[in-house]
Amino acid sequence: MKADDYVYPLEFADESYHEGITARDYIAIQAMNGMVSCGDYTSNDKYAMIQHAFAIADAMITESEKKIPCTR
């Protein structure tokens, strides 16, 4: 996975196309959902939360590019 790969691209009946959002944005959104749902951040910390969410996304993308085999 790369940061600029697209998630959920859409193709419409009229054959128009929308690329969707980037993988980096999608992962950051999911990270932010988790932070908000567990109450780790207050409204005063919104910029810190955004920076943290994108740091998580960047770390996940970096690790996914390593293609580390899954071990159980």
PDB file of N, CA and C in Angstrom:
ATOM      1  N   MET A   1       0.844  -1.169   0.000  1.00  0.00           N
ATOM      2  CA  MET A   1       0.000   0.000   0.000  1.00  0.00           C
ATOM      3  C   MET A   1       0.891   1.233   0.000  1.00  0.00           C
ATOM      4  N   LYS A   2       0.475   2.226  -0.749  1.00  0.00           N
ATOM      5  CA  LYS A   2       1.174   3.500  -0.787  1.00  0.00           C
ATOM      6  C   LYS A   2       0.227   4.596  -0.307  1.00  0.00           C
ATOM      7  N   ALA A   3       0.781   5.671   0.208  1.00  0.00           N
ATOM      8  CA  ALA A   3      -0.030   6.753   0.775  1.00  0.00           C
ATOM      9  C   ALA A   3      -1.000   7.339  -0.235  1.00  0.00           C
ATOM     10  N   ASP A   4      -0.622   7.353  -1.509  1.00  0.00           N
ATOM     11  CA  ASP A   4      -1.499   7.965  -2.499  1.00  0.00           C
ATOM     12  C   ASP A   4      -2.345   6.956  -3.264  1.00  0.00           C
ATOM     13  N   ASP A   5      -2.350   5.688  -2.826  1.00  0.00           N
ATOM     14  CA  ASP A   5      -3.290   4.714  -3.384  1.00  0.00           C
ATOM     15  C   ASP A   5      -4.700   5.149  -2.995  1.00  0.00           C
ATOM     16  N   TYR A   6      -5.661   4.849  -3.851  1.00  0.00           N
ATOM     17  CA  TYR A   6      -7.030   5.262  -3.562  1.00  0.00           C
ATOM     18  C   TYR A   6      -7.839   4.130  -2.952  1.00  0.00           C
ATOM     19  N   VAL A   7      -8.731   4.525  -2.066  1.00  0.00           N
ATOM     20  CA  VAL A   7      -9.624   3.595  -1.378  1.00  0.00           C
ATOM     21  C   VAL A   7     -11.039   3.867  -1.870  1.00  0.00           C
ATOM     22  N   TYR A   8     -11.780   2.827  -2.158  1.00  0.00           N
ATOM     23  CA  TYR A   8     -13.171   2.930  -2.586  1.00  0.00           C
ATOM     24  C   TYR A   8     -13.373   3.792  -3.829  1.00  0.00           C
ATOM     25  N   PRO A   9     -12.677   3.498  -4.925  1.00  0.00           N
ATOM     26  CA  PRO A   9     -12.969   4.236  -6.148  1.00  0.00           C
ATOM     27  C   PRO A   9     -14.390   3.923  -6.625  1.00  0.00           C
ATOM     28  N   LEU A  10     -15.015   4.859  -7.286  1.00  0.00           N
ATOM     29  CA  LEU A  10     -16.391   4.692  -7.744  1.00  0.00           C
ATOM     30  C   LEU A  10     -16.471   4.845  -9.259  1.00  0.00           C
ATOM     31  N   GLU A  11     -17.210   3.942  -9.885  1.00  0.00           N
ATOM     32  CA  GLU A  11     -17.517   4.094 -11.296  1.00  0.00           C
ATOM     33  C   GLU A  11     -19.027   4.198 -11.411  1.00  0.00           C
ATOM     34  N   PHE A  12     -19.495   5.248 -12.053  1.00  0.00           N
ATOM     35  CA  PHE A  12     -20.924   5.519 -12.132  1.00  0.00           C
ATOM     36  C   PHE A  12     -21.520   4.975 -13.416  1.00  0.00           C
ATOM     37  N   ALA A  13     -22.859   4.890 -13.455  1.00  0.00           N
ATOM     38  CA  ALA A  13     -23.561   4.338 -14.615  1.00  0.00           C
ATOM     39  C   ALA A  13     -23.234   5.099 -15.899  1.00  0.00           C
ATOM     40  N   ASP A  14     -22.979   6.395 -15.798  1.00  0.00           N
ATOM     41  CA  ASP A  14     -22.647   7.174 -16.997  1.00  0.00           C
ATOM     42  C   ASP A  14     -21.173   7.053 -17.367  1.00  0.00           C
ATOM     43  N   GLU A  15     -20.490   6.087 -16.742  1.00  0.00           N
ATOM     44  CA  GLU A  15     -19.086   5.760 -16.975  1.00  0.00           C
ATOM     45  C   GLU A  15     -18.117   6.831 -16.473  1.00  0.00           C
ATOM     46  N   SER A  16     -18.621   7.774 -15.677  1.00  0.00           N
ATOM     47  CA  SER A  16     -17.706   8.709 -15.032  1.00  0.00           C
ATOM     48  C   SER A  16     -17.063   7.994 -13.853  1.00  0.00           C
ATOM     49  N   TYR A  17     -15.992   8.541 -13.342  1.00  0.00           N
ATOM     50  CA  TYR A  17     -15.184   7.848 -12.356  1.00  0.00           C
ATOM     51  C   TYR A  17     -14.739   8.834 -11.274  1.00  0.00           C
ATOM     52  N   HIS A  18     -14.774   8.385 -10.037  1.00  0.00           N
ATOM     53  CA  HIS A  18     -14.244   9.180  -8.932  1.00  0.00           C
ATOM     54  C   HIS A  18     -13.231   8.308  -8.210  1.00  0.00           C
ATOM     55  N   GLU A  19     -12.038   8.827  -7.981  1.00  0.00           N
ATOM     56  CA  GLU A  19     -10.963   8.009  -7.420  1.00  0.00           C
ATOM     57  C   GLU A  19     -11.178   7.631  -5.968  1.00  0.00           C
ATOM     58  N   GLY A  20     -11.972   8.369  -5.234  1.00  0.00           N
ATOM     59  CA  GLY A  20     -12.164   8.080  -3.818  1.00  0.00           C
ATOM     60  C   GLY A  20     -11.174   8.878  -2.987  1.00  0.00           C
ATOM     61  N   ILE A  21     -10.909   8.431  -1.786  1.00  0.00           N
ATOM     62  CA  ILE A  21      -9.947   9.119  -0.932  1.00  0.00           C
ATOM     63  C   ILE A  21      -8.654   8.306  -0.890  1.00  0.00           C
ATOM     64  N   THR A  22      -7.584   8.960  -0.477  1.00  0.00           N
ATOM     65  CA  THR A  22      -6.304   8.250  -0.440  1.00  0.00           C
ATOM     66  C   THR A  22      -6.272   7.291   0.758  1.00  0.00           C
ATOM     67  N   ALA A  23      -5.416   6.309   0.656  1.00  0.00           N
ATOM     68  CA  ALA A  23      -5.247   5.353   1.747  1.00  0.00           C
ATOM     69  C   ALA A  23      -4.796   6.067   3.016  1.00  0.00           C
ATOM     70  N   ARG A  24      -3.935   7.061   2.873  1.00  0.00           N
ATOM     71  CA  ARG A  24      -3.441   7.815   4.030  1.00  0.00           C
ATOM     72  C   ARG A  24      -4.596   8.528   4.735  1.00  0.00           C
ATOM     73  N   ASP A  25      -5.458   9.178   3.959  1.00  0.00           N
ATOM     74  CA  ASP A  25      -6.616   9.853   4.559  1.00  0.00           C
ATOM     75  C   ASP A  25      -7.554   8.854   5.222  1.00  0.00           C
ATOM     76  N   TYR A  26      -7.799   7.730   4.556  1.00  0.00           N
ATOM     77  CA  TYR A  26      -8.705   6.720   5.101  1.00  0.00           C
ATOM     78  C   TYR A  26      -8.198   6.184   6.442  1.00  0.00           C
ATOM     79  N   ILE A  27      -6.911   5.862   6.510  1.00  0.00           N
ATOM     80  CA  ILE A  27      -6.344   5.339   7.756  1.00  0.00           C
ATOM     81  C   ILE A  27      -6.395   6.406   8.846  1.00  0.00           C
ATOM     82  N   ALA A  28      -6.097   7.649   8.499  1.00  0.00           N
ATOM     83  CA  ALA A  28      -6.148   8.734   9.481  1.00  0.00           C
ATOM     84  C   ALA A  28      -7.570   8.927  10.009  1.00  0.00           C
ATOM     85  N   ILE A  29      -8.555   8.842   9.132  1.00  0.00           N
ATOM     86  CA  ILE A  29      -9.950   8.962   9.563  1.00  0.00           C
ATOM     87  C   ILE A  29     -10.298   7.860  10.552  1.00  0.00           C
ATOM     88  N   GLN A  30      -9.879   6.644  10.250  1.00  0.00           N
ATOM     89  CA  GLN A  30     -10.179   5.533  11.154  1.00  0.00           C
ATOM     90  C   GLN A  30      -9.477   5.719  12.500  1.00  0.00           C
ATOM     91  N   ALA A  31      -8.244   6.200  12.467  1.00  0.00           N
ATOM     92  CA  ALA A  31      -7.520   6.466  13.719  1.00  0.00           C
ATOM     93  C   ALA A  31      -8.238   7.540  14.531  1.00  0.00           C
ATOM     94  N   MET A  32      -8.691   8.590  13.858  1.00  0.00           N
ATOM     95  CA  MET A  32      -9.409   9.664  14.553  1.00  0.00           C
ATOM     96  C   MET A  32     -10.719   9.158  15.152  1.00  0.00           C
ATOM     97  N   ASN A  33     -11.417   8.290  14.440  1.00  0.00           N
ATOM     98  CA  ASN A  33     -12.644   7.700  14.984  1.00  0.00           C
ATOM     99  C   ASN A  33     -12.363   6.986  16.295  1.00  0.00           C
ATOM    100  N   GLY A  34     -11.279   6.239  16.333  1.00  0.00           N
ATOM    101  CA  GLY A  34     -10.914   5.535  17.558  1.00  0.00           C
ATOM    102  C   GLY A  34     -10.573   6.490  18.688  1.00  0.00           C
ATOM    103  N   MET A  35      -9.828   7.534  18.377  1.00  0.00           N
ATOM    104  CA  MET A  35      -9.450   8.503  19.411  1.00  0.00           C
ATOM    105  C   MET A  35     -10.669   9.218  19.974  1.00  0.00           C
ATOM    106  N   VAL A  36     -11.577   9.614  19.102  1.00  0.00           N
ATOM    107  CA  VAL A  36     -12.784  10.328  19.548  1.00  0.00           C
ATOM    108  C   VAL A  36     -13.679   9.400  20.364  1.00  0.00           C
ATOM    109  N   SER A  37     -13.813   8.166  19.928  1.00  0.00           N
ATOM    110  CA  SER A  37     -14.734   7.252  20.605  1.00  0.00           C
ATOM    111  C   SER A  37     -14.279   6.875  22.009  1.00  0.00           C
ATOM    112  N   CYS A  38     -12.971   6.901  22.264  1.00  0.00           N
ATOM    113  CA  CYS A  38     -12.513   6.542  23.602  1.00  0.00           C
ATOM    114  C   CYS A  38     -12.228   7.772  24.459  1.00  0.00           C
ATOM    115  N   GLY A  39     -12.470   8.961  23.915  1.00  0.00           N
ATOM    116  CA  GLY A  39     -12.361  10.177  24.707  1.00  0.00           C
ATOM    117  C   GLY A  39     -10.955  10.591  25.056  1.00  0.00           C
ATOM    118  N   ASP A  40      -9.960  10.190  24.265  1.00  0.00           N
ATOM    119  CA  ASP A  40      -8.573  10.564  24.552  1.00  0.00           C
ATOM    120  C   ASP A  40      -8.275  12.031  24.277  1.00  0.00           C
ATOM    121  N   TYR A  41      -9.095  12.660  23.462  1.00  0.00           N
ATOM    122  CA  TYR A  41      -8.829  14.034  23.065  1.00  0.00           C
ATOM    123  C   TYR A  41     -10.032  14.918  23.382  1.00  0.00           C
ATOM    124  N   THR A  42      -9.760  16.141  23.776  1.00  0.00           N
ATOM    125  CA  THR A  42     -10.818  17.120  23.988  1.00  0.00           C
ATOM    126  C   THR A  42     -10.849  18.054  22.784  1.00  0.00           C
ATOM    127  N   SER A  43     -11.820  18.913  22.724  1.00  0.00           N
ATOM    128  CA  SER A  43     -11.920  19.832  21.595  1.00  0.00           C
ATOM    129  C   SER A  43     -10.697  20.751  21.509  1.00  0.00           C
ATOM    130  N   ASN A  44     -10.026  20.995  22.623  1.00  0.00           N
ATOM    131  CA  ASN A  44      -8.819  21.830  22.613  1.00  0.00           C
ATOM    132  C   ASN A  44      -7.641  21.127  21.957  1.00  0.00           C
ATOM    133  N   ASP A  45      -7.714  19.830  21.844  1.00  0.00           N
ATOM    134  CA  ASP A  45      -6.605  19.045  21.305  1.00  0.00           C
ATOM    135  C   ASP A  45      -6.835  18.624  19.856  1.00  0.00           C
ATOM    136  N   LYS A  46      -7.740  19.288  19.126  1.00  0.00           N
ATOM    137  CA  LYS A  46      -8.100  18.796  17.795  1.00  0.00           C
ATOM    138  C   LYS A  46      -6.913  18.767  16.829  1.00  0.00           C
ATOM    139  N   TYR A  47      -6.024  19.749  16.892  1.00  0.00           N
ATOM    140  CA  TYR A  47      -4.878  19.733  15.981  1.00  0.00           C
ATOM    141  C   TYR A  47      -3.872  18.666  16.372  1.00  0.00           C
ATOM    142  N   ALA A  48      -3.733  18.413  17.650  1.00  0.00           N
ATOM    143  CA  ALA A  48      -2.862  17.323  18.100  1.00  0.00           C
ATOM    144  C   ALA A  48      -3.431  15.985  17.638  1.00  0.00           C
ATOM    145  N   MET A  49      -4.754  15.850  17.689  1.00  0.00           N
ATOM    146  CA  MET A  49      -5.392  14.615  17.253  1.00  0.00           C
ATOM    147  C   MET A  49      -5.167  14.407  15.753  1.00  0.00           C
ATOM    148  N   ILE A  50      -5.289  15.463  14.966  1.00  0.00           N
ATOM    149  CA  ILE A  50      -5.072  15.353  13.526  1.00  0.00           C
ATOM    150  C   ILE A  50      -3.634  14.933  13.235  1.00  0.00           C
ATOM    151  N   GLN A  51      -2.681  15.564  13.890  1.00  0.00           N
ATOM    152  CA  GLN A  51      -1.275  15.212  13.686  1.00  0.00           C
ATOM    153  C   GLN A  51      -1.007  13.773  14.096  1.00  0.00           C
ATOM    154  N   HIS A  52      -1.586  13.352  15.203  1.00  0.00           N
ATOM    155  CA  HIS A  52      -1.403  11.989  15.686  1.00  0.00           C
ATOM    156  C   HIS A  52      -2.032  10.993  14.711  1.00  0.00           C
ATOM    157  N   ALA A  53      -3.215  11.300  14.218  1.00  0.00           N
ATOM    158  CA  ALA A  53      -3.892  10.398  13.284  1.00  0.00           C
ATOM    159  C   ALA A  53      -3.066  10.200  12.015  1.00  0.00           C
ATOM    160  N   PHE A  54      -2.498  11.286  11.480  1.00  0.00           N
ATOM    161  CA  PHE A  54      -1.680  11.147  10.278  1.00  0.00           C
ATOM    162  C   PHE A  54      -0.347  10.467  10.576  1.00  0.00           C
ATOM    163  N   ALA A  55       0.177  10.631  11.774  1.00  0.00           N
ATOM    164  CA  ALA A  55       1.395   9.909  12.160  1.00  0.00           C
ATOM    165  C   ALA A  55       1.120   8.407  12.203  1.00  0.00           C
ATOM    166  N   ILE A  56      -0.050   8.029  12.716  1.00  0.00           N
ATOM    167  CA  ILE A  56      -0.443   6.617  12.732  1.00  0.00           C
ATOM    168  C   ILE A  56      -0.574   6.104  11.299  1.00  0.00           C
ATOM    169  N   ALA A  57      -1.227   6.873  10.453  1.00  0.00           N
ATOM    170  CA  ALA A  57      -1.406   6.468   9.053  1.00  0.00           C
ATOM    171  C   ALA A  57      -0.059   6.286   8.366  1.00  0.00           C
ATOM    172  N   ASP A  58       0.843   7.234   8.561  1.00  0.00           N
ATOM    173  CA  ASP A  58       2.161   7.138   7.934  1.00  0.00           C
ATOM    174  C   ASP A  58       2.925   5.917   8.425  1.00  0.00           C
ATOM    175  N   ALA A  59       2.835   5.630   9.725  1.00  0.00           N
ATOM    176  CA  ALA A  59       3.515   4.457  10.285  1.00  0.00           C
ATOM    177  C   ALA A  59       2.927   3.167   9.723  1.00  0.00           C
ATOM    178  N   MET A  60       1.610   3.111   9.591  1.00  0.00           N
ATOM    179  CA  MET A  60       0.982   1.902   9.046  1.00  0.00           C
ATOM    180  C   MET A  60       1.373   1.681   7.594  1.00  0.00           C
ATOM    181  N   ILE A  61       1.419   2.749   6.820  1.00  0.00           N
ATOM    182  CA  ILE A  61       1.800   2.629   5.414  1.00  0.00           C
ATOM    183  C   ILE A  61       3.259   2.204   5.292  1.00  0.00           C
ATOM    184  N   THR A  62       4.125   2.788   6.098  1.00  0.00           N
ATOM    185  CA  THR A  62       5.546   2.408   6.091  1.00  0.00           C
ATOM    186  C   THR A  62       5.706   0.930   6.406  1.00  0.00           C
ATOM    187  N   GLU A  63       5.014   0.455   7.421  1.00  0.00           N
ATOM    188  CA  GLU A  63       5.108  -0.960   7.796  1.00  0.00           C
ATOM    189  C   GLU A  63       4.521  -1.865   6.721  1.00  0.00           C
ATOM    190  N   SER A  64       3.431  -1.437   6.094  1.00  0.00           N
ATOM    191  CA  SER A  64       2.818  -2.284   5.068  1.00  0.00           C
ATOM    192  C   SER A  64       3.718  -2.426   3.845  1.00  0.00           C
ATOM    193  N   GLU A  65       4.544  -1.424   3.593  1.00  0.00           N
ATOM    194  CA  GLU A  65       5.466  -1.495   2.462  1.00  0.00           C
ATOM    195  C   GLU A  65       6.611  -2.470   2.698  1.00  0.00           C
ATOM    196  N   LYS A  66       6.860  -2.831   3.950  1.00  0.00           N
ATOM    197  CA  LYS A  66       7.938  -3.774   4.267  1.00  0.00           C
ATOM    198  C   LYS A  66       7.576  -5.210   3.927  1.00  0.00           C
ATOM    199  N   LYS A  67       6.291  -5.463   3.773  1.00  0.00           N
ATOM    200  CA  LYS A  67       5.794  -6.806   3.453  1.00  0.00           C
ATOM    201  C   LYS A  67       6.341  -7.856   4.409  1.00  0.00           C
ATOM    202  N   ILE A  68       6.195  -7.588   5.670  1.00  0.00           N
ATOM    203  CA  ILE A  68       6.639  -8.510   6.721  1.00  0.00           C
ATOM    204  C   ILE A  68       5.677  -9.693   6.757  1.00  0.00           C
ATOM    205  N   PRO A  69       6.196 -10.914   6.712  1.00  0.00           N
ATOM    206  CA  PRO A  69       5.292 -12.076   6.737  1.00  0.00           C
ATOM    207  C   PRO A  69       4.562 -12.180   8.079  1.00  0.00           C
ATOM    208  N   CYS A  70       3.340 -12.607   8.004  1.00  0.00           N
ATOM    209  CA  CYS A  70       2.525 -12.790   9.200  1.00  0.00           C
ATOM    210  C   CYS A  70       2.944 -14.094   9.881  1.00  0.00           C
ATOM    211  N   THR A  71       3.204 -14.025  11.177  1.00  0.00           N
ATOM    212  CA  THR A  71       3.566 -15.224  11.917  1.00  0.00           C
ATOM    213  C   THR A  71       2.534 -15.478  13.000  1.00  0.00           C
ATOM    214  N   ARG A  72       2.258 -16.716  13.245  1.00  0.00           N
ATOM    215  CA  ARG A  72       1.282 -17.073  14.298  1.00  0.00           C
ATOM    216  C   ARG A  72       1.898 -18.054  15.223  1.00  0.00           C
TER     217      ARG A  72
END
